Protein backbone atom coordinates (compact mmCIF):
# COMPACT_ATOMS: atom_id res chain seq x y z
CA MET A 1 -16.15 11.42 13.82
CA CYS A 2 -12.96 9.28 13.08
CA HIS A 3 -12.60 5.86 14.45
CA GLN A 4 -9.69 6.86 16.65
CA SER A 5 -11.75 9.80 18.29
CA VAL A 6 -14.64 7.45 18.78
CA GLY A 7 -12.53 4.82 20.56
CA LEU A 8 -10.81 7.58 22.80
CA VAL A 9 -14.14 8.99 23.83
CA ALA A 10 -15.81 5.70 24.55
CA ARG A 11 -12.83 5.05 27.06
CA GLU A 12 -13.51 8.30 28.84
CA ILE A 13 -17.35 7.78 28.97
CA GLU A 14 -16.54 4.08 30.39
CA ARG A 15 -14.36 5.76 33.10
CA ARG A 16 -17.37 7.49 34.29
CA GLY A 17 -19.47 4.27 34.59
CA ILE A 18 -21.48 4.34 31.20
CA PRO A 19 -21.05 1.30 29.17
CA THR A 20 -20.17 1.88 25.43
CA MET A 21 -20.03 -0.01 22.20
CA VAL A 22 -18.00 1.13 19.08
CA ILE A 23 -19.16 -0.08 15.78
CA SER A 24 -16.06 -0.10 13.45
CA SER A 25 -15.26 -0.42 9.81
CA ALA A 26 -11.48 0.25 10.50
CA TYR A 27 -10.24 -2.71 12.22
CA ASP A 28 -6.56 -1.58 12.55
CA VAL A 29 -7.42 1.92 14.04
CA THR A 30 -9.76 0.11 16.47
CA HIS A 31 -7.23 -2.50 17.49
CA ALA A 32 -4.67 0.09 18.06
CA VAL A 33 -7.09 2.48 20.11
CA ARG A 34 -8.55 -0.56 22.10
CA PRO A 35 -12.10 0.97 23.09
CA PRO A 36 -13.67 -0.81 25.96
CA ARG A 37 -16.03 -2.86 23.46
CA ALA A 38 -16.08 -2.79 19.72
CA VAL A 39 -17.64 -4.75 16.92
CA PHE A 40 -16.07 -4.76 13.45
CA VAL A 41 -18.11 -4.70 10.19
CA ASN A 42 -16.00 -5.30 7.02
CA PHE A 43 -17.95 -2.55 5.19
CA PRO A 44 -16.66 0.71 3.44
CA LEU A 45 -15.67 3.52 5.76
CA ASN A 46 -18.71 5.42 6.96
CA HIS A 47 -21.07 2.49 6.45
CA GLN A 48 -20.60 0.75 9.77
CA THR A 49 -24.25 0.24 10.07
CA GLY A 50 -24.98 -1.08 6.65
CA ARG A 51 -26.15 0.08 3.08
CA PRO A 52 -28.15 3.18 2.71
CA ASN A 53 -31.92 2.47 2.48
CA ASP A 54 -31.48 -1.15 3.85
CA PRO A 55 -33.31 -0.84 7.17
CA PRO A 56 -33.50 -4.79 7.78
CA SER A 57 -29.79 -5.09 7.48
CA GLN A 58 -29.15 -1.91 9.47
CA LEU A 59 -31.29 -3.26 12.20
CA ALA A 60 -29.61 -6.54 12.17
CA ILE A 61 -26.11 -4.99 12.68
CA LEU A 62 -27.40 -2.85 15.53
CA ARG A 63 -29.07 -5.86 17.13
CA ASP A 64 -25.68 -7.83 16.99
CA ALA A 65 -23.83 -4.82 18.32
CA PHE A 66 -26.03 -4.75 21.37
CA ARG A 67 -25.80 -8.37 21.96
CA ALA A 68 -21.96 -7.92 21.96
CA PHE A 69 -22.44 -6.44 25.31
CA GLU A 70 -23.36 -9.84 26.61
CA THR A 71 -20.10 -11.43 24.95
CA LEU A 72 -17.28 -8.97 25.16
CA THR A 73 -16.19 -9.37 28.69
CA ALA A 74 -12.83 -8.06 28.73
CA PRO A 75 -11.61 -4.46 27.88
CA GLY A 76 -10.31 -4.03 24.37
CA GLN A 77 -12.06 -7.18 22.86
CA ILE A 78 -13.22 -6.71 19.27
CA LEU A 79 -16.13 -8.94 17.81
CA THR A 80 -16.13 -9.26 14.10
CA LEU A 81 -19.72 -9.50 12.85
CA PRO A 82 -20.44 -11.81 9.94
CA TYR A 83 -21.79 -9.39 7.51
CA VAL A 84 -20.22 -8.95 3.89
CA TRP A 85 -20.87 -5.70 1.82
CA ASP A 86 -20.93 -7.46 -1.54
CA PRO A 87 -19.96 -11.14 -1.76
CA ASP A 88 -19.39 -10.55 -5.50
CA ASP A 89 -17.29 -7.38 -5.56
CA ALA A 90 -14.67 -6.31 -3.17
CA SER A 91 -13.44 -3.16 -5.15
CA TRP A 92 -14.46 -0.87 -2.38
CA GLU A 93 -11.46 -2.28 -0.36
CA ASP A 94 -9.07 -1.02 -2.93
CA THR A 95 -10.75 2.31 -2.83
CA ASP A 96 -10.82 2.59 1.02
CA TYR A 97 -7.69 0.83 1.97
CA GLY A 98 -5.44 0.65 -1.16
CA PRO A 99 -4.69 -2.04 -3.52
CA GLY A 100 -3.79 -5.48 -2.07
CA PHE A 101 -4.51 -4.48 1.53
CA GLU A 102 -5.31 -7.40 3.65
CA LEU A 103 -7.21 -7.14 6.92
CA TYR A 104 -5.16 -8.39 10.13
CA GLY A 105 -5.82 -8.64 13.72
CA VAL A 106 -8.09 -11.64 14.23
CA GLY A 107 -7.40 -12.38 17.84
CA GLN A 108 -7.77 -15.43 20.19
CA PRO A 109 -10.72 -15.63 22.56
CA LEU A 110 -10.23 -15.69 26.32
CA PRO A 111 -10.54 -19.18 27.89
CA GLY A 112 -14.32 -20.19 28.00
CA GLN A 113 -15.18 -17.62 25.33
CA GLU A 114 -14.33 -19.59 22.29
CA ALA A 115 -17.95 -19.12 20.94
CA TYR A 116 -17.09 -15.38 20.83
CA ALA A 117 -13.75 -15.41 19.06
CA GLU A 118 -13.29 -13.10 16.30
CA LYS A 119 -14.14 -14.52 13.13
CA SER A 120 -12.22 -14.23 9.93
CA LEU A 121 -14.63 -12.78 7.33
CA LYS A 122 -14.53 -14.29 3.74
CA ARG A 123 -13.13 -11.74 1.48
CA ALA A 124 -15.24 -11.26 -1.82
CA ALA A 125 -13.86 -12.96 -4.79
CA ARG A 126 -12.22 -10.51 -7.17
CA PRO A 127 -14.02 -10.48 -10.70
CA ASP A 128 -10.63 -11.16 -12.48
CA ALA A 129 -9.88 -14.26 -10.08
């Protein structure tokens, strides 16, 4: 299911009183749709919960997503989780997003929520840099 659809479905589920959490790897779409709560993971599309066959990192991402229920207090907030797909290779970003694409949308925290402000993820160094 696409990020846009998931965000819209999450809003409807929340309207019926059931809390939701979106785990996203497409910040721009998630930011535009504004699901009730979301965490962003800077991973290739369709890998929001980590690398295949890597249960420890998958579990860590899921635990952090569940912990975000305690920190995301206003509708539409997005928490950026501090995971990096490969610190030595960002070539997947060119494949998924296009050459030279830069992530945007790092927001400001609500007063009193500075500890949970979105964090800018360090981009992997390019091999030719």
